[in-house]
Amino acid sequence: MFITYAVVAALMSMVLLASAGAKFTRPKRLVDQMSTLSLPYGMLPFLGIAQAAGAGGLVVGLWWGPLGIAAAVCLALYFIGAVATHLRVGDYEGAPPAAVLTAVAVALVVLRSATL
């Protein structure tokens, strides 16, 4: 179980860091999406910091299990909020990727909890 957690946490961390990087560089696609979601552009750095912190928590969670669990729980809540935000404005194409990341975060909670 621990090896599975390690692999999934590493992959999730890479996805999160790539997404956080995009939030800091603000490509046009992301800026347009923020407009579609009716979110202020000023939220982008905070969202990027949250994702980078989650990635870091998952990695440190390899050595300190409670932090890995806490990071995965927070990421699940983050992505539940993302799903809700997409659905709130009728962006049905943006909700499934966030839902998949929610499921991965929940799986990470279960995997790390099982290896304490």
N, C-alpha and C. Protein backbone atom coordinates (compact mmCIF):
# COMPACT_ATOMS: atom_id res chain seq x y z
N MET A 1 0.81 -1.19 0.00
CA MET A 1 0.00 0.00 0.00
C MET A 1 0.86 1.27 0.00
N PHE A 2 1.97 1.22 0.74
CA PHE A 2 2.81 2.41 0.82
C PHE A 2 3.41 2.75 -0.54
N ILE A 3 3.83 1.73 -1.27
CA ILE A 3 4.41 1.98 -2.60
C ILE A 3 3.36 2.59 -3.52
N THR A 4 2.13 2.11 -3.43
CA THR A 4 1.05 2.67 -4.23
C THR A 4 0.83 4.13 -3.86
N TYR A 5 0.81 4.41 -2.54
CA TYR A 5 0.68 5.81 -2.11
C TYR A 5 1.81 6.64 -2.69
N ALA A 6 3.03 6.15 -2.60
CA ALA A 6 4.20 6.91 -3.07
C ALA A 6 4.09 7.24 -4.56
N VAL A 7 3.69 6.25 -5.35
CA VAL A 7 3.57 6.47 -6.80
C VAL A 7 2.45 7.45 -7.11
N VAL A 8 1.27 7.24 -6.51
CA VAL A 8 0.13 8.12 -6.78
C VAL A 8 0.41 9.52 -6.25
N ALA A 9 1.03 9.63 -5.08
CA ALA A 9 1.36 10.94 -4.53
C ALA A 9 2.35 11.68 -5.42
N ALA A 10 3.33 10.97 -5.95
CA ALA A 10 4.31 11.60 -6.85
C ALA A 10 3.63 12.10 -8.13
N LEU A 11 2.77 11.27 -8.71
CA LEU A 11 2.06 11.68 -9.93
C LEU A 11 1.14 12.87 -9.66
N MET A 12 0.40 12.80 -8.56
CA MET A 12 -0.51 13.89 -8.20
C MET A 12 0.28 15.16 -7.94
N SER A 13 1.43 15.04 -7.30
CA SER A 13 2.26 16.22 -7.02
C SER A 13 2.74 16.87 -8.31
N MET A 14 3.10 16.06 -9.29
CA MET A 14 3.53 16.61 -10.58
C MET A 14 2.38 17.37 -11.25
N VAL A 15 1.19 16.79 -11.22
CA VAL A 15 0.02 17.45 -11.81
C VAL A 15 -0.25 18.77 -11.08
N LEU A 16 -0.19 18.73 -9.75
CA LEU A 16 -0.46 19.93 -8.96
C LEU A 16 0.58 21.01 -9.21
N LEU A 17 1.84 20.64 -9.31
CA LEU A 17 2.88 21.64 -9.55
C LEU A 17 2.75 22.25 -10.95
N ALA A 18 2.38 21.45 -11.93
CA ALA A 18 2.16 21.98 -13.28
C ALA A 18 0.98 22.96 -13.27
N SER A 19 -0.08 22.59 -12.58
CA SER A 19 -1.25 23.46 -12.50
C SER A 19 -0.93 24.73 -11.72
N ALA A 20 -0.17 24.60 -10.63
CA ALA A 20 0.21 25.78 -9.85
C ALA A 20 1.08 26.71 -10.68
N GLY A 21 1.99 26.14 -11.45
CA GLY A 21 2.83 26.96 -12.32
C GLY A 21 2.01 27.76 -13.31
N ALA A 22 0.96 27.13 -13.84
CA ALA A 22 0.08 27.83 -14.77
C ALA A 22 -0.65 28.98 -14.07
N LYS A 23 -0.99 28.77 -12.82
CA LYS A 23 -1.70 29.82 -12.10
C LYS A 23 -0.79 31.03 -11.85
N PHE A 24 0.50 30.80 -11.74
CA PHE A 24 1.44 31.91 -11.55
C PHE A 24 1.80 32.60 -12.87
N THR A 25 1.81 31.86 -13.98
CA THR A 25 2.17 32.45 -15.27
C THR A 25 0.97 33.02 -16.01
N ARG A 26 -0.22 32.64 -15.60
CA ARG A 26 -1.48 33.17 -16.14
C ARG A 26 -1.61 33.10 -17.67
N PRO A 27 -1.60 31.89 -18.24
CA PRO A 27 -1.82 31.80 -19.69
C PRO A 27 -3.24 32.24 -20.04
N LYS A 28 -3.43 32.66 -21.27
CA LYS A 28 -4.73 33.20 -21.71
C LYS A 28 -5.87 32.22 -21.44
N ARG A 29 -5.64 30.94 -21.67
CA ARG A 29 -6.68 29.93 -21.45
C ARG A 29 -7.17 29.95 -20.01
N LEU A 30 -6.25 30.08 -19.08
CA LEU A 30 -6.61 30.08 -17.66
C LEU A 30 -7.31 31.37 -17.27
N VAL A 31 -6.85 32.48 -17.81
CA VAL A 31 -7.49 33.76 -17.53
C VAL A 31 -8.92 33.74 -18.06
N ASP A 32 -9.12 33.18 -19.25
CA ASP A 32 -10.47 33.07 -19.80
C ASP A 32 -11.34 32.17 -18.94
N GLN A 33 -10.77 31.10 -18.43
CA GLN A 33 -11.53 30.18 -17.58
C GLN A 33 -11.95 30.87 -16.28
N MET A 34 -11.08 31.67 -15.71
CA MET A 34 -11.44 32.40 -14.48
C MET A 34 -12.60 33.34 -14.75
N SER A 35 -12.60 33.95 -15.92
CA SER A 35 -13.71 34.82 -16.29
C SER A 35 -14.99 34.02 -16.43
N THR A 36 -14.91 32.86 -17.07
CA THR A 36 -16.07 31.98 -17.22
C THR A 36 -16.62 31.56 -15.87
N LEU A 37 -15.74 31.30 -14.92
CA LEU A 37 -16.15 30.85 -13.59
C LEU A 37 -16.56 32.00 -12.68
N SER A 38 -16.48 33.22 -13.19
CA SER A 38 -16.82 34.42 -12.41
C SER A 38 -15.95 34.56 -11.16
N LEU A 39 -14.67 34.24 -11.30
CA LEU A 39 -13.72 34.37 -10.20
C LEU A 39 -12.75 35.50 -10.52
N PRO A 40 -12.36 36.28 -9.52
CA PRO A 40 -11.40 37.36 -9.78
C PRO A 40 -10.01 36.81 -10.08
N TYR A 41 -9.29 37.50 -10.95
CA TYR A 41 -7.94 37.07 -11.31
C TYR A 41 -7.01 37.07 -10.10
N GLY A 42 -7.31 37.89 -9.12
CA GLY A 42 -6.48 37.97 -7.93
C GLY A 42 -6.46 36.68 -7.13
N MET A 43 -7.38 35.76 -7.40
CA MET A 43 -7.39 34.48 -6.70
C MET A 43 -6.34 33.51 -7.23
N LEU A 44 -5.85 33.74 -8.43
CA LEU A 44 -4.93 32.79 -9.06
C LEU A 44 -3.69 32.50 -8.19
N PRO A 45 -3.02 33.50 -7.64
CA PRO A 45 -1.86 33.16 -6.81
C PRO A 45 -2.23 32.32 -5.58
N PHE A 46 -3.36 32.61 -4.97
CA PHE A 46 -3.77 31.84 -3.80
C PHE A 46 -4.09 30.39 -4.17
N LEU A 47 -4.73 30.20 -5.33
CA LEU A 47 -5.02 28.84 -5.79
C LEU A 47 -3.72 28.10 -6.10
N GLY A 48 -2.77 28.80 -6.72
CA GLY A 48 -1.47 28.19 -7.01
C GLY A 48 -0.71 27.82 -5.75
N ILE A 49 -0.75 28.69 -4.75
CA ILE A 49 -0.08 28.40 -3.48
C ILE A 49 -0.73 27.18 -2.82
N ALA A 50 -2.05 27.11 -2.86
CA ALA A 50 -2.75 25.97 -2.26
C ALA A 50 -2.35 24.66 -2.94
N GLN A 51 -2.25 24.70 -4.27
CA GLN A 51 -1.86 23.49 -4.98
C GLN A 51 -0.41 23.11 -4.70
N ALA A 52 0.48 24.09 -4.67
CA ALA A 52 1.89 23.80 -4.38
C ALA A 52 2.05 23.27 -2.96
N ALA A 53 1.31 23.84 -2.02
CA ALA A 53 1.37 23.35 -0.65
C ALA A 53 0.84 21.92 -0.55
N GLY A 54 -0.22 21.63 -1.29
CA GLY A 54 -0.76 20.27 -1.31
C GLY A 54 0.25 19.28 -1.87
N ALA A 55 0.93 19.68 -2.93
CA ALA A 55 1.96 18.81 -3.52
C ALA A 55 3.08 18.56 -2.52
N GLY A 56 3.51 19.61 -1.86
CA GLY A 56 4.56 19.47 -0.86
C GLY A 56 4.12 18.58 0.31
N GLY A 57 2.88 18.75 0.74
CA GLY A 57 2.35 17.94 1.83
C GLY A 57 2.29 16.46 1.48
N LEU A 58 1.93 16.17 0.23
CA LEU A 58 1.89 14.77 -0.19
C LEU A 58 3.28 14.14 -0.18
N VAL A 59 4.26 14.91 -0.63
CA VAL A 59 5.63 14.39 -0.67
C VAL A 59 6.19 14.22 0.73
N VAL A 60 6.02 15.23 1.57
CA VAL A 60 6.50 15.11 2.96
C VAL A 60 5.74 14.00 3.67
N GLY A 61 4.51 13.75 3.24
CA GLY A 61 3.69 12.68 3.81
C GLY A 61 4.28 11.30 3.62
N LEU A 62 5.27 11.18 2.73
CA LEU A 62 5.98 9.90 2.60
C LEU A 62 6.73 9.58 3.89
N TRP A 63 7.22 10.61 4.56
CA TRP A 63 7.98 10.41 5.80
C TRP A 63 7.14 10.64 7.05
N TRP A 64 6.19 11.54 6.96
CA TRP A 64 5.34 11.86 8.12
C TRP A 64 3.88 11.69 7.68
N GLY A 65 3.35 10.51 7.95
CA GLY A 65 2.03 10.11 7.48
C GLY A 65 0.91 11.08 7.79
N PRO A 66 0.81 11.62 9.01
CA PRO A 66 -0.30 12.54 9.29
C PRO A 66 -0.35 13.76 8.37
N LEU A 67 0.83 14.25 7.99
CA LEU A 67 0.84 15.39 7.06
C LEU A 67 0.35 14.98 5.68
N GLY A 68 0.72 13.79 5.24
CA GLY A 68 0.24 13.30 3.95
C GLY A 68 -1.28 13.15 3.94
N ILE A 69 -1.83 12.67 5.04
CA ILE A 69 -3.29 12.54 5.14
C ILE A 69 -3.94 13.91 5.14
N ALA A 70 -3.39 14.84 5.95
CA ALA A 70 -3.96 16.19 6.01
C ALA A 70 -3.90 16.87 4.64
N ALA A 71 -2.80 16.71 3.93
CA ALA A 71 -2.66 17.32 2.61
C ALA A 71 -3.68 16.73 1.64
N ALA A 72 -3.86 15.42 1.68
CA ALA A 72 -4.81 14.78 0.77
C ALA A 72 -6.25 15.20 1.10
N VAL A 73 -6.58 15.33 2.38
CA VAL A 73 -7.92 15.79 2.77
C VAL A 73 -8.15 17.21 2.25
N CYS A 74 -7.16 18.08 2.46
CA CYS A 74 -7.29 19.46 1.99
C CYS A 74 -7.41 19.53 0.47
N LEU A 75 -6.66 18.69 -0.23
CA LEU A 75 -6.78 18.65 -1.69
C LEU A 75 -8.15 18.16 -2.13
N ALA A 76 -8.69 17.17 -1.43
CA ALA A 76 -10.04 16.69 -1.76
C ALA A 76 -11.03 17.83 -1.60
N LEU A 77 -10.93 18.60 -0.52
CA LEU A 77 -11.83 19.74 -0.31
C LEU A 77 -11.62 20.81 -1.38
N TYR A 78 -10.38 21.05 -1.74
CA TYR A 78 -10.06 22.02 -2.79
C TYR A 78 -10.75 21.64 -4.10
N PHE A 79 -10.62 20.37 -4.47
CA PHE A 79 -11.19 19.94 -5.74
C PHE A 79 -12.71 19.77 -5.69
N ILE A 80 -13.26 19.49 -4.52
CA ILE A 80 -14.72 19.51 -4.38
C ILE A 80 -15.21 20.93 -4.65
N GLY A 81 -14.49 21.90 -4.12
CA GLY A 81 -14.83 23.30 -4.40
C GLY A 81 -14.70 23.63 -5.88
N ALA A 82 -13.70 23.07 -6.53
CA ALA A 82 -13.53 23.31 -7.97
C ALA A 82 -14.69 22.71 -8.76
N VAL A 83 -15.10 21.50 -8.40
CA VAL A 83 -16.25 20.88 -9.07
C VAL A 83 -17.49 21.74 -8.87
N ALA A 84 -17.73 22.16 -7.64
CA ALA A 84 -18.91 22.98 -7.34
C ALA A 84 -18.88 24.29 -8.11
N THR A 85 -17.70 24.89 -8.22
CA THR A 85 -17.58 26.16 -8.94
C THR A 85 -17.89 25.97 -10.42
N HIS A 86 -17.38 24.91 -11.01
CA HIS A 86 -17.67 24.65 -12.43
C HIS A 86 -19.15 24.38 -12.64
N LEU A 87 -19.74 23.59 -11.78
CA LEU A 87 -21.16 23.27 -11.94
C LEU A 87 -22.04 24.49 -11.69
N ARG A 88 -21.63 25.36 -10.78
CA ARG A 88 -22.40 26.56 -10.44
C ARG A 88 -22.64 27.44 -11.67
N VAL A 89 -21.66 27.52 -12.55
CA VAL A 89 -21.79 28.37 -13.74
C VAL A 89 -22.16 27.58 -14.99
N GLY A 90 -22.42 26.29 -14.83
CA GLY A 90 -22.82 25.46 -15.96
C GLY A 90 -21.67 25.03 -16.85
N ASP A 91 -20.44 25.05 -16.33
CA ASP A 91 -19.27 24.61 -17.08
C ASP A 91 -19.11 23.10 -16.90
N TYR A 92 -19.89 22.35 -17.67
CA TYR A 92 -19.92 20.90 -17.51
C TYR A 92 -18.70 20.21 -18.11
N GLU A 93 -17.91 20.92 -18.91
CA GLU A 93 -16.68 20.35 -19.44
C GLU A 93 -15.53 20.48 -18.44
N GLY A 94 -15.58 21.47 -17.57
CA GLY A 94 -14.51 21.68 -16.61
C GLY A 94 -14.66 20.86 -15.34
N ALA A 95 -15.88 20.39 -15.06
CA ALA A 95 -16.12 19.66 -13.81
C ALA A 95 -15.49 18.26 -13.78
N PRO A 96 -15.54 17.46 -14.85
CA PRO A 96 -14.98 16.10 -14.76
C PRO A 96 -13.50 16.02 -14.39
N PRO A 97 -12.62 16.87 -14.94
CA PRO A 97 -11.22 16.77 -14.51
C PRO A 97 -11.06 17.04 -13.01
N ALA A 98 -11.79 18.01 -12.50
CA ALA A 98 -11.72 18.31 -11.07
C ALA A 98 -12.29 17.15 -10.25
N ALA A 99 -13.32 16.49 -10.78
CA ALA A 99 -13.90 15.35 -10.08
C ALA A 99 -12.91 14.18 -10.03
N VAL A 100 -12.18 13.98 -11.09
CA VAL A 100 -11.16 12.91 -11.10
C VAL A 100 -10.09 13.22 -10.07
N LEU A 101 -9.64 14.47 -10.00
CA LEU A 101 -8.63 14.84 -9.02
C LEU A 101 -9.17 14.72 -7.59
N THR A 102 -10.45 14.97 -7.41
CA THR A 102 -11.08 14.74 -6.10
C THR A 102 -10.98 13.27 -5.73
N ALA A 103 -11.31 12.41 -6.67
CA ALA A 103 -11.27 10.96 -6.41
C ALA A 103 -9.84 10.51 -6.10
N VAL A 104 -8.86 11.06 -6.80
CA VAL A 104 -7.47 10.70 -6.54
C VAL A 104 -7.06 11.16 -5.14
N ALA A 105 -7.48 12.36 -4.76
CA ALA A 105 -7.16 12.86 -3.41
C ALA A 105 -7.78 11.97 -2.34
N VAL A 106 -9.01 11.55 -2.54
CA VAL A 106 -9.67 10.65 -1.58
C VAL A 106 -8.93 9.32 -1.53
N ALA A 107 -8.51 8.81 -2.67
CA ALA A 107 -7.74 7.57 -2.70
C ALA A 107 -6.43 7.72 -1.93
N LEU A 108 -5.80 8.90 -2.04
CA LEU A 108 -4.57 9.14 -1.29
C LEU A 108 -4.82 9.14 0.21
N VAL A 109 -5.95 9.69 0.64
CA VAL A 109 -6.30 9.64 2.06
C VAL A 109 -6.39 8.20 2.54
N VAL A 110 -7.08 7.38 1.76
CA VAL A 110 -7.27 5.97 2.12
C VAL A 110 -5.94 5.24 2.11
N LEU A 111 -5.14 5.45 1.08
CA LEU A 111 -3.86 4.73 0.97
C LEU A 111 -2.91 5.10 2.10
N ARG A 112 -2.80 6.39 2.41
CA ARG A 112 -1.86 6.78 3.46
C ARG A 112 -2.38 6.38 4.84
N SER A 113 -3.67 6.44 5.03
CA SER A 113 -4.26 6.00 6.31
C SER A 113 -4.01 4.53 6.56
N ALA A 114 -4.03 3.74 5.48
CA ALA A 114 -3.85 2.30 5.61
C ALA A 114 -2.40 1.92 5.92
N THR A 115 -1.47 2.86 5.73
CA THR A 115 -0.07 2.52 5.94
C THR A 115 0.53 3.15 7.19
N LEU A 116 -0.29 3.74 8.02
CA LEU A 116 0.25 4.32 9.28
C LEU A 116 0.58 3.24 10.27
